[in-house]
């Protein structure tokens, strides 16, 4: 189950700004087009699932690339998934740890890597 800030009604975020909304829309669109995902918030990692299912994904990333690695691998392994509305409150610490350019580039390269793998 993928939590989604953009699933309505009930989804939303006190933490998003224009750059993160546009970036998430872009990456979600690419994920949906390239991999036929049915997801509305690819960069949000509030996820619920069976431990065995996560182990079967054989996750490789420990940075922001994991946001796209999980749904793409779940789709490629024909796992069942759904999206539910989730509301993101303001950060307690108040500071985002994401570097928009660097992490956005890493996320994009991860998507391209899996796209090229399925095209072989």
C-alpha atoms as a PDB file:
ATOM      1  CA  UNK A   1       0.000   0.000   0.000  1.00  0.00           C
ATOM      2  CA  UNK A   2       1.486   3.310  -1.092  1.00  0.00           C
ATOM      3  CA  UNK A   3       0.502   6.463   0.770  1.00  0.00           C
ATOM      4  CA  UNK A   4      -0.192   9.375  -1.555  1.00  0.00           C
ATOM      5  CA  UNK A   5      -0.284  13.086  -0.826  1.00  0.00           C
ATOM      6  CA  UNK A   6      -2.081  13.610  -4.124  1.00  0.00           C
ATOM      7  CA  UNK A   7      -4.790  10.944  -3.757  1.00  0.00           C
ATOM      8  CA  UNK A   8      -8.080  12.724  -3.091  1.00  0.00           C
ATOM      9  CA  UNK A   9     -10.004  13.100  -0.873  1.00  0.00           C
ATOM     10  CA  UNK A  10      -7.849  13.162   2.224  1.00  0.00           C
ATOM     11  CA  UNK A  11      -4.374  13.490   0.747  1.00  0.00           C
ATOM     12  CA  UNK A  12      -2.247  16.581   1.071  1.00  0.00           C
ATOM     13  CA  UNK A  13       0.939  18.093   2.397  1.00  0.00           C
ATOM     14  CA  UNK A  14       1.941  20.987   4.616  1.00  0.00           C
ATOM     15  CA  UNK A  15       5.553  20.376   3.565  1.00  0.00           C
ATOM     16  CA  UNK A  16       5.462  20.553  -0.251  1.00  0.00           C
ATOM     17  CA  UNK A  17       6.584  23.608  -2.156  1.00  0.00           C
ATOM     18  CA  UNK A  18       6.237  24.384  -5.867  1.00  0.00           C
ATOM     19  CA  UNK A  19       9.510  22.674  -6.806  1.00  0.00           C
ATOM     20  CA  UNK A  20       8.695  19.431  -4.981  1.00  0.00           C
ATOM     21  CA  UNK A  21       5.137  19.338  -6.365  1.00  0.00           C
ATOM     22  CA  UNK A  22       6.337  19.841  -9.955  1.00  0.00           C
ATOM     23  CA  UNK A  23       9.227  17.385  -9.532  1.00  0.00           C
ATOM     24  CA  UNK A  24       6.975  14.731  -8.044  1.00  0.00           C
ATOM     25  CA  UNK A  25       4.424  15.208 -10.819  1.00  0.00           C
ATOM     26  CA  UNK A  26       7.220  14.818 -13.419  1.00  0.00           C
ATOM     27  CA  UNK A  27       8.715  11.661 -11.868  1.00  0.00           C
ATOM     28  CA  UNK A  28       5.284  10.132 -11.232  1.00  0.00           C
ATOM     29  CA  UNK A  29       4.294  10.773 -14.853  1.00  0.00           C
ATOM     30  CA  UNK A  30       7.499   9.163 -16.141  1.00  0.00           C
ATOM     31  CA  UNK A  31       7.030   6.163 -13.833  1.00  0.00           C
ATOM     32  CA  UNK A  32       3.437   5.718 -14.950  1.00  0.00           C
ATOM     33  CA  UNK A  33       4.335   6.032 -18.652  1.00  0.00           C
ATOM     34  CA  UNK A  34       7.523   3.934 -18.692  1.00  0.00           C
ATOM     35  CA  UNK A  35       6.359   1.143 -16.376  1.00  0.00           C
ATOM     36  CA  UNK A  36       2.547   1.325 -16.525  1.00  0.00           C
ATOM     37  CA  UNK A  37       2.447   2.093 -12.824  1.00  0.00           C
ATOM     38  CA  UNK A  38      -0.867   3.114 -11.337  1.00  0.00           C
ATOM     39  CA  UNK A  39       0.548   5.423  -8.691  1.00  0.00           C
ATOM     40  CA  UNK A  40      -0.134   9.061  -7.861  1.00  0.00           C
ATOM     41  CA  UNK A  41       2.873   9.963  -5.680  1.00  0.00           C
ATOM     42  CA  UNK A  42       6.048   8.086  -6.633  1.00  0.00           C
ATOM     43  CA  UNK A  43       8.369  10.038  -4.320  1.00  0.00           C
ATOM     44  CA  UNK A  44       6.421   9.475  -1.095  1.00  0.00           C
ATOM     45  CA  UNK A  45       7.734   6.509   0.847  1.00  0.00           C
ATOM     46  CA  UNK A  46       4.974   5.948   3.366  1.00  0.00           C
ATOM     47  CA  UNK A  47       4.505   2.329   2.409  1.00  0.00           C
ATOM     48  CA  UNK A  48       2.862  -0.634   4.082  1.00  0.00           C
ATOM     49  CA  UNK A  49       3.516  -4.188   2.964  1.00  0.00           C
ATOM     50  CA  UNK A  50       4.592  -7.657   3.949  1.00  0.00           C
ATOM     51  CA  UNK A  51       8.221  -8.010   5.037  1.00  0.00           C
ATOM     52  CA  UNK A  52       8.690 -10.922   2.656  1.00  0.00           C
ATOM     53  CA  UNK A  53       7.474  -8.787  -0.260  1.00  0.00           C
ATOM     54  CA  UNK A  54      10.088  -6.127   0.523  1.00  0.00           C
ATOM     55  CA  UNK A  55      12.803  -8.779   0.838  1.00  0.00           C
ATOM     56  CA  UNK A  56      11.794 -10.181  -2.557  1.00  0.00           C
ATOM     57  CA  UNK A  57      12.381  -6.758  -4.130  1.00  0.00           C
ATOM     58  CA  UNK A  58      16.101  -7.091  -3.323  1.00  0.00           C
ATOM     59  CA  UNK A  59      16.413  -3.345  -2.816  1.00  0.00           C
ATOM     60  CA  UNK A  60      19.773  -1.810  -3.712  1.00  0.00           C
ATOM     61  CA  UNK A  61      19.399   1.855  -2.763  1.00  0.00           C
ATOM     62  CA  UNK A  62      19.640   3.582   0.597  1.00  0.00           C
ATOM     63  CA  UNK A  63      19.122   7.152  -0.620  1.00  0.00           C
ATOM     64  CA  UNK A  64      16.245   8.964  -2.358  1.00  0.00           C
ATOM     65  CA  UNK A  65      16.422   6.562  -5.319  1.00  0.00           C
ATOM     66  CA  UNK A  66      14.595   4.026  -3.168  1.00  0.00           C
ATOM     67  CA  UNK A  67      11.423   6.090  -3.751  1.00  0.00           C
ATOM     68  CA  UNK A  68      11.266   4.921  -7.358  1.00  0.00           C
ATOM     69  CA  UNK A  69      13.030   1.585  -6.909  1.00  0.00           C
ATOM     70  CA  UNK A  70      10.247   0.173  -4.705  1.00  0.00           C
ATOM     71  CA  UNK A  71       7.228   0.798  -6.964  1.00  0.00           C
ATOM     72  CA  UNK A  72       9.110  -0.049 -10.173  1.00  0.00           C
ATOM     73  CA  UNK A  73      10.405  -3.364  -8.828  1.00  0.00           C
ATOM     74  CA  UNK A  74       6.986  -4.169  -7.328  1.00  0.00           C
ATOM     75  CA  UNK A  75       5.406  -3.641 -10.746  1.00  0.00           C
ATOM     76  CA  UNK A  76       8.096  -5.632 -12.567  1.00  0.00           C
ATOM     77  CA  UNK A  77       7.496  -8.519 -10.134  1.00  0.00           C
ATOM     78  CA  UNK A  78       3.719  -8.297 -10.696  1.00  0.00           C
ATOM     79  CA  UNK A  79       3.005  -7.522  -7.049  1.00  0.00           C
ATOM     80  CA  UNK A  80      -0.449  -6.220  -6.170  1.00  0.00           C
ATOM     81  CA  UNK A  81      -0.479  -2.668  -4.837  1.00  0.00           C
ATOM     82  CA  UNK A  82      -2.807   0.252  -4.314  1.00  0.00           C
ATOM     83  CA  UNK A  83      -2.595   3.920  -3.317  1.00  0.00           C
ATOM     84  CA  UNK A  84      -4.422   5.444  -0.364  1.00  0.00           C
ATOM     85  CA  UNK A  85      -4.670   9.094   0.662  1.00  0.00           C
ATOM     86  CA  UNK A  86      -2.084  10.281   3.184  1.00  0.00           C
ATOM     87  CA  UNK A  87      -1.581  13.703   4.752  1.00  0.00           C
ATOM     88  CA  UNK A  88       1.962  14.940   5.350  1.00  0.00           C
ATOM     89  CA  UNK A  89       2.282  17.397   8.219  1.00  0.00           C
ATOM     90  CA  UNK A  90       5.030  20.003   8.518  1.00  0.00           C
ATOM     91  CA  UNK A  91       8.427  18.662   9.485  1.00  0.00           C
ATOM     92  CA  UNK A  92       9.215  18.802  13.172  1.00  0.00           C
ATOM     93  CA  UNK A  93      12.848  19.743  12.436  1.00  0.00           C
ATOM     94  CA  UNK A  94      11.726  22.146   9.706  1.00  0.00           C
ATOM     95  CA  UNK A  95      14.579  21.363   7.289  1.00  0.00           C
ATOM     96  CA  UNK A  96      14.345  19.167   4.197  1.00  0.00           C
ATOM     97  CA  UNK A  97      17.301  16.889   3.574  1.00  0.00           C
ATOM     98  CA  UNK A  98      16.679  16.579  -0.145  1.00  0.00           C
ATOM     99  CA  UNK A  99      19.006  18.384  -2.545  1.00  0.00           C
ATOM    100  CA  UNK A 100      16.600  19.053  -5.413  1.00  0.00           C
ATOM    101  CA  UNK A 101      19.161  18.975  -8.246  1.00  0.00           C
ATOM    102  CA  UNK A 102      21.459  16.193  -7.016  1.00  0.00           C
ATOM    103  CA  UNK A 103      18.736  13.892  -5.721  1.00  0.00           C
ATOM    104  CA  UNK A 104      16.452  14.651  -8.668  1.00  0.00           C
ATOM    105  CA  UNK A 105      19.260  13.599 -11.004  1.00  0.00           C
ATOM    106  CA  UNK A 106      19.829  10.374  -9.028  1.00  0.00           C
ATOM    107  CA  UNK A 107      16.106   9.577  -9.169  1.00  0.00           C
ATOM    108  CA  UNK A 108      15.990  10.225 -12.912  1.00  0.00           C
ATOM    109  CA  UNK A 109      19.007   7.984 -13.550  1.00  0.00           C
ATOM    110  CA  UNK A 110      17.372   5.211 -11.492  1.00  0.00           C
ATOM    111  CA  UNK A 111      14.213   5.408 -13.603  1.00  0.00           C
ATOM    112  CA  UNK A 112      16.249   5.343 -16.835  1.00  0.00           C
ATOM    113  CA  UNK A 113      18.301   2.375 -15.543  1.00  0.00           C
ATOM    114  CA  UNK A 114      15.184   0.253 -15.030  1.00  0.00           C
ATOM    115  CA  UNK A 115      13.637   1.435 -18.293  1.00  0.00           C
ATOM    116  CA  UNK A 116      16.735   0.334 -20.227  1.00  0.00           C
ATOM    117  CA  UNK A 117      16.713  -3.028 -18.410  1.00  0.00           C
ATOM    118  CA  UNK A 118      13.168  -3.835 -19.540  1.00  0.00           C
ATOM    119  CA  UNK A 119      13.903  -2.741 -23.130  1.00  0.00           C
ATOM    120  CA  UNK A 120      16.711  -5.314 -23.534  1.00  0.00           C
END
